[in-house]
Amino acid sequence: MSCCIDGCAGQVKARKMCQFHYRRVLRGVSPHDMPRLPFDVFEAAADQPSMLALSRATGKATRALYDYRLKGVPLFMADRLAVKIGMHPAEIWVDWYQVAA
């Protein structure tokens, strides 16, 4: 069983969310209220010809990527996506450190 949050691959045991998200909730930050970063910046940095190619490069479903395009990329997923294309999130989103603090 996987986490309930936007495509998170974290493993769930007795709770309804993975360890990362559970710790965020304990600290008073709901996973659904996390800051979101613009997807178009990531899309330009990834330099993929289509959403399908971007999906293959990141290992994310195209549906999840289209959701990120509409709603923005959640902070925790921004880090994972950046690493998947071989970059640090601060290289893609210049305000990464201010948003993540």
N, C-alpha and C. Protein backbone atom coordinates (compact mmCIF):
# COMPACT_ATOMS: atom_id res chain seq x y z
N MET A 1 0.85 -1.17 0.00
CA MET A 1 0.00 0.00 0.00
C MET A 1 0.89 1.24 0.00
N SER A 2 0.56 2.23 -0.81
CA SER A 2 1.38 3.44 -0.87
C SER A 2 0.67 4.59 -0.18
N CYS A 3 1.41 5.66 0.00
CA CYS A 3 0.93 6.84 0.71
C CYS A 3 -0.24 7.49 -0.03
N CYS A 4 -1.02 8.27 0.70
CA CYS A 4 -2.19 8.92 0.11
C CYS A 4 -1.85 10.23 -0.60
N ILE A 5 -0.63 10.67 -0.50
CA ILE A 5 -0.27 12.00 -0.98
C ILE A 5 0.23 11.95 -2.42
N ASP A 6 -0.29 12.83 -3.28
CA ASP A 6 0.12 13.06 -4.67
C ASP A 6 1.23 12.18 -5.22
N GLY A 7 0.99 10.93 -5.36
CA GLY A 7 1.97 10.07 -6.02
C GLY A 7 3.17 9.69 -5.19
N CYS A 8 3.09 9.86 -3.87
CA CYS A 8 4.22 9.49 -3.01
C CYS A 8 4.40 7.98 -3.04
N ALA A 9 5.64 7.55 -3.14
CA ALA A 9 5.93 6.12 -3.21
C ALA A 9 6.27 5.55 -1.84
N GLY A 10 6.12 6.34 -0.79
CA GLY A 10 6.44 5.86 0.56
C GLY A 10 5.54 4.71 0.97
N GLN A 11 6.10 3.78 1.70
CA GLN A 11 5.34 2.61 2.13
C GLN A 11 4.55 2.92 3.40
N VAL A 12 3.33 2.44 3.44
CA VAL A 12 2.42 2.68 4.54
C VAL A 12 2.21 1.38 5.30
N LYS A 13 2.21 1.47 6.61
CA LYS A 13 1.92 0.28 7.43
C LYS A 13 0.55 0.47 8.04
N ALA A 14 0.48 0.83 9.30
CA ALA A 14 -0.82 0.97 9.96
C ALA A 14 -1.45 2.34 9.70
N ARG A 15 -0.61 3.34 9.45
CA ARG A 15 -1.14 4.69 9.22
C ARG A 15 -1.59 4.84 7.78
N LYS A 16 -2.17 5.97 7.49
CA LYS A 16 -2.65 6.26 6.14
C LYS A 16 -1.64 7.02 5.31
N MET A 17 -0.43 7.28 5.83
CA MET A 17 0.57 7.99 5.06
C MET A 17 1.97 7.49 5.43
N CYS A 18 2.93 7.77 4.58
CA CYS A 18 4.30 7.29 4.80
C CYS A 18 4.96 8.05 5.96
N GLN A 19 6.13 7.58 6.36
CA GLN A 19 6.86 8.18 7.48
C GLN A 19 7.15 9.65 7.26
N PHE A 20 7.58 10.03 6.06
CA PHE A 20 7.91 11.43 5.77
C PHE A 20 6.71 12.33 6.03
N HIS A 21 5.56 11.95 5.49
CA HIS A 21 4.38 12.78 5.65
C HIS A 21 3.84 12.73 7.08
N TYR A 22 3.96 11.58 7.72
CA TYR A 22 3.50 11.45 9.10
C TYR A 22 4.29 12.41 10.00
N ARG A 23 5.62 12.49 9.79
CA ARG A 23 6.45 13.41 10.58
C ARG A 23 6.07 14.85 10.31
N ARG A 24 5.73 15.17 9.05
CA ARG A 24 5.33 16.54 8.73
C ARG A 24 4.03 16.90 9.46
N VAL A 25 3.11 15.95 9.53
CA VAL A 25 1.85 16.21 10.23
C VAL A 25 2.11 16.39 11.72
N LEU A 26 3.00 15.59 12.28
CA LEU A 26 3.33 15.75 13.70
C LEU A 26 3.93 17.12 13.99
N ARG A 27 4.65 17.68 13.03
CA ARG A 27 5.24 19.00 13.21
C ARG A 27 4.23 20.11 12.92
N GLY A 28 3.02 19.74 12.57
CA GLY A 28 1.97 20.73 12.35
C GLY A 28 1.82 21.18 10.91
N VAL A 29 2.46 20.50 9.97
CA VAL A 29 2.34 20.87 8.55
C VAL A 29 1.61 19.74 7.85
N SER A 30 0.41 20.01 7.41
CA SER A 30 -0.34 19.01 6.68
C SER A 30 0.30 18.82 5.31
N PRO A 31 0.45 17.58 4.85
CA PRO A 31 1.03 17.34 3.53
C PRO A 31 0.26 18.03 2.41
N HIS A 32 -1.03 18.22 2.60
CA HIS A 32 -1.84 18.85 1.58
C HIS A 32 -1.66 20.37 1.55
N ASP A 33 -1.08 20.92 2.63
CA ASP A 33 -0.86 22.37 2.71
C ASP A 33 0.58 22.76 2.46
N MET A 34 1.40 21.82 2.00
CA MET A 34 2.80 22.13 1.73
C MET A 34 2.91 23.14 0.60
N PRO A 35 3.96 23.94 0.62
CA PRO A 35 4.16 24.90 -0.48
C PRO A 35 4.32 24.15 -1.81
N ARG A 36 3.91 24.79 -2.88
CA ARG A 36 4.03 24.21 -4.21
C ARG A 36 4.87 25.13 -5.09
N LEU A 37 5.63 24.53 -5.95
CA LEU A 37 6.52 25.25 -6.85
C LEU A 37 6.00 25.15 -8.28
N PRO A 38 6.32 26.13 -9.13
CA PRO A 38 5.80 26.10 -10.51
C PRO A 38 6.37 24.95 -11.33
N PHE A 39 5.50 24.27 -12.03
CA PHE A 39 5.90 23.11 -12.83
C PHE A 39 6.59 23.52 -14.12
N ASP A 40 6.21 24.65 -14.69
CA ASP A 40 6.79 25.05 -15.98
C ASP A 40 8.30 25.25 -15.91
N VAL A 41 8.79 25.67 -14.75
CA VAL A 41 10.24 25.83 -14.56
C VAL A 41 10.92 24.46 -14.61
N PHE A 42 10.31 23.48 -13.96
CA PHE A 42 10.85 22.12 -13.98
C PHE A 42 10.79 21.54 -15.39
N GLU A 43 9.70 21.77 -16.07
CA GLU A 43 9.52 21.24 -17.42
C GLU A 43 10.59 21.79 -18.37
N ALA A 44 10.91 23.07 -18.23
CA ALA A 44 11.95 23.68 -19.06
C ALA A 44 13.33 23.12 -18.71
N ALA A 45 13.59 22.91 -17.42
CA ALA A 45 14.89 22.39 -16.98
C ALA A 45 15.09 20.94 -17.42
N ALA A 46 14.00 20.16 -17.46
CA ALA A 46 14.10 18.75 -17.84
C ALA A 46 14.41 18.58 -19.31
N ASP A 47 14.00 19.55 -20.13
CA ASP A 47 14.30 19.55 -21.56
C ASP A 47 13.89 18.24 -22.25
N GLN A 48 12.65 17.84 -22.01
CA GLN A 48 12.10 16.65 -22.64
C GLN A 48 11.10 17.08 -23.71
N PRO A 49 11.02 16.37 -24.84
CA PRO A 49 10.16 16.80 -25.94
C PRO A 49 8.66 16.68 -25.67
N SER A 50 8.27 15.80 -24.77
CA SER A 50 6.84 15.61 -24.52
C SER A 50 6.61 15.22 -23.06
N MET A 51 5.35 15.26 -22.66
CA MET A 51 5.01 14.87 -21.29
C MET A 51 5.28 13.39 -21.09
N LEU A 52 5.09 12.59 -22.12
CA LEU A 52 5.37 11.15 -22.03
C LEU A 52 6.86 10.91 -21.79
N ALA A 53 7.71 11.63 -22.50
CA ALA A 53 9.15 11.50 -22.30
C ALA A 53 9.55 11.96 -20.90
N LEU A 54 8.92 13.01 -20.41
CA LEU A 54 9.18 13.49 -19.06
C LEU A 54 8.73 12.46 -18.03
N SER A 55 7.61 11.83 -18.31
CA SER A 55 7.11 10.77 -17.44
C SER A 55 8.10 9.61 -17.35
N ARG A 56 8.64 9.23 -18.49
CA ARG A 56 9.62 8.14 -18.50
C ARG A 56 10.90 8.54 -17.78
N ALA A 57 11.33 9.79 -17.94
CA ALA A 57 12.57 10.26 -17.33
C ALA A 57 12.46 10.34 -15.81
N THR A 58 11.27 10.68 -15.31
CA THR A 58 11.10 10.86 -13.87
C THR A 58 10.50 9.64 -13.18
N GLY A 59 9.89 8.74 -13.94
CA GLY A 59 9.25 7.58 -13.33
C GLY A 59 7.89 7.90 -12.74
N LYS A 60 7.35 9.07 -13.05
CA LYS A 60 6.03 9.47 -12.56
C LYS A 60 4.99 9.26 -13.66
N ALA A 61 3.78 8.98 -13.26
CA ALA A 61 2.68 8.83 -14.21
C ALA A 61 2.40 10.17 -14.88
N THR A 62 2.01 10.12 -16.14
CA THR A 62 1.71 11.37 -16.84
C THR A 62 0.55 12.11 -16.17
N ARG A 63 -0.36 11.37 -15.59
CA ARG A 63 -1.48 12.00 -14.89
C ARG A 63 -0.98 12.84 -13.72
N ALA A 64 -0.02 12.31 -12.97
CA ALA A 64 0.55 13.07 -11.85
C ALA A 64 1.26 14.32 -12.35
N LEU A 65 1.97 14.20 -13.46
CA LEU A 65 2.67 15.36 -14.01
C LEU A 65 1.69 16.43 -14.49
N TYR A 66 0.57 16.01 -15.09
CA TYR A 66 -0.44 16.99 -15.49
C TYR A 66 -1.06 17.66 -14.27
N ASP A 67 -1.23 16.91 -13.20
CA ASP A 67 -1.73 17.51 -11.95
C ASP A 67 -0.74 18.55 -11.43
N TYR A 68 0.55 18.22 -11.49
CA TYR A 68 1.58 19.18 -11.05
C TYR A 68 1.57 20.42 -11.93
N ARG A 69 1.26 20.23 -13.21
CA ARG A 69 1.21 21.39 -14.11
C ARG A 69 0.06 22.31 -13.71
N LEU A 70 -1.05 21.74 -13.30
CA LEU A 70 -2.21 22.55 -12.89
C LEU A 70 -2.06 23.16 -11.50
N LYS A 71 -1.60 22.36 -10.54
CA LYS A 71 -1.59 22.77 -9.13
C LYS A 71 -0.23 23.21 -8.62
N GLY A 72 0.84 22.88 -9.34
CA GLY A 72 2.18 23.14 -8.85
C GLY A 72 2.76 21.86 -8.27
N VAL A 73 4.08 21.84 -8.11
CA VAL A 73 4.77 20.66 -7.60
C VAL A 73 4.92 20.79 -6.08
N PRO A 74 4.40 19.83 -5.30
CA PRO A 74 4.60 19.89 -3.85
C PRO A 74 6.09 19.89 -3.51
N LEU A 75 6.44 20.53 -2.43
CA LEU A 75 7.83 20.71 -2.06
C LEU A 75 8.59 19.39 -1.97
N PHE A 76 8.00 18.37 -1.33
CA PHE A 76 8.69 17.09 -1.19
C PHE A 76 8.89 16.41 -2.53
N MET A 77 7.94 16.59 -3.45
CA MET A 77 8.05 15.95 -4.75
C MET A 77 9.01 16.72 -5.66
N ALA A 78 9.13 18.02 -5.45
CA ALA A 78 10.07 18.82 -6.24
C ALA A 78 11.49 18.29 -6.06
N ASP A 79 11.84 17.95 -4.85
CA ASP A 79 13.17 17.40 -4.58
C ASP A 79 13.35 16.08 -5.32
N ARG A 80 12.38 15.21 -5.24
CA ARG A 80 12.47 13.90 -5.89
C ARG A 80 12.55 14.01 -7.41
N LEU A 81 11.75 14.90 -7.98
CA LEU A 81 11.75 15.07 -9.44
C LEU A 81 13.08 15.64 -9.92
N ALA A 82 13.61 16.61 -9.18
CA ALA A 82 14.90 17.21 -9.57
C ALA A 82 16.00 16.16 -9.57
N VAL A 83 16.03 15.32 -8.55
CA VAL A 83 17.06 14.28 -8.46
C VAL A 83 16.91 13.28 -9.61
N LYS A 84 15.68 12.98 -9.99
CA LYS A 84 15.44 12.04 -11.09
C LYS A 84 16.03 12.51 -12.41
N ILE A 85 16.10 13.83 -12.61
CA ILE A 85 16.68 14.33 -13.86
C ILE A 85 18.13 14.77 -13.66
N GLY A 86 18.70 14.43 -12.51
CA GLY A 86 20.12 14.67 -12.26
C GLY A 86 20.48 16.08 -11.84
N MET A 87 19.55 16.78 -11.21
CA MET A 87 19.80 18.15 -10.78
C MET A 87 19.44 18.32 -9.32
N HIS A 88 19.91 19.39 -8.72
CA HIS A 88 19.51 19.77 -7.37
C HIS A 88 18.31 20.71 -7.51
N PRO A 89 17.34 20.63 -6.61
CA PRO A 89 16.17 21.50 -6.72
C PRO A 89 16.52 23.00 -6.80
N ALA A 90 17.59 23.41 -6.13
CA ALA A 90 17.98 24.82 -6.17
C ALA A 90 18.47 25.24 -7.55
N GLU A 91 18.90 24.29 -8.36
CA GLU A 91 19.30 24.60 -9.73
C GLU A 91 18.09 24.87 -10.61
N ILE A 92 16.96 24.30 -10.25
CA ILE A 92 15.74 24.45 -11.03
C ILE A 92 14.91 25.63 -10.52
N TRP A 93 14.64 25.62 -9.23
CA TRP A 93 13.86 26.69 -8.60
C TRP A 93 14.83 27.55 -7.79
N VAL A 94 15.07 28.77 -8.23
CA VAL A 94 16.07 29.62 -7.57
C VAL A 94 15.67 30.00 -6.15
N ASP A 95 14.38 29.98 -5.84
CA ASP A 95 13.92 30.32 -4.49
C ASP A 95 13.72 29.08 -3.62
N TRP A 96 14.32 27.96 -4.00
CA TRP A 96 14.16 26.69 -3.29
C TRP A 96 14.43 26.83 -1.79
N TYR A 97 15.54 27.46 -1.42
CA TYR A 97 15.92 27.53 0.00
C TYR A 97 14.95 28.40 0.81
N GLN A 98 14.41 29.45 0.22
CA GLN A 98 13.44 30.27 0.94
C GLN A 98 12.13 29.53 1.15
N VAL A 99 11.71 28.80 0.13
CA VAL A 99 10.43 28.07 0.23
C VAL A 99 10.57 26.88 1.18
N ALA A 100 11.70 26.19 1.13
CA ALA A 100 11.90 24.98 1.94
C ALA A 100 12.15 25.29 3.41
N ALA A 101 12.51 26.51 3.74
CA ALA A 101 12.82 26.85 5.14
C ALA A 101 11.60 26.89 6.01
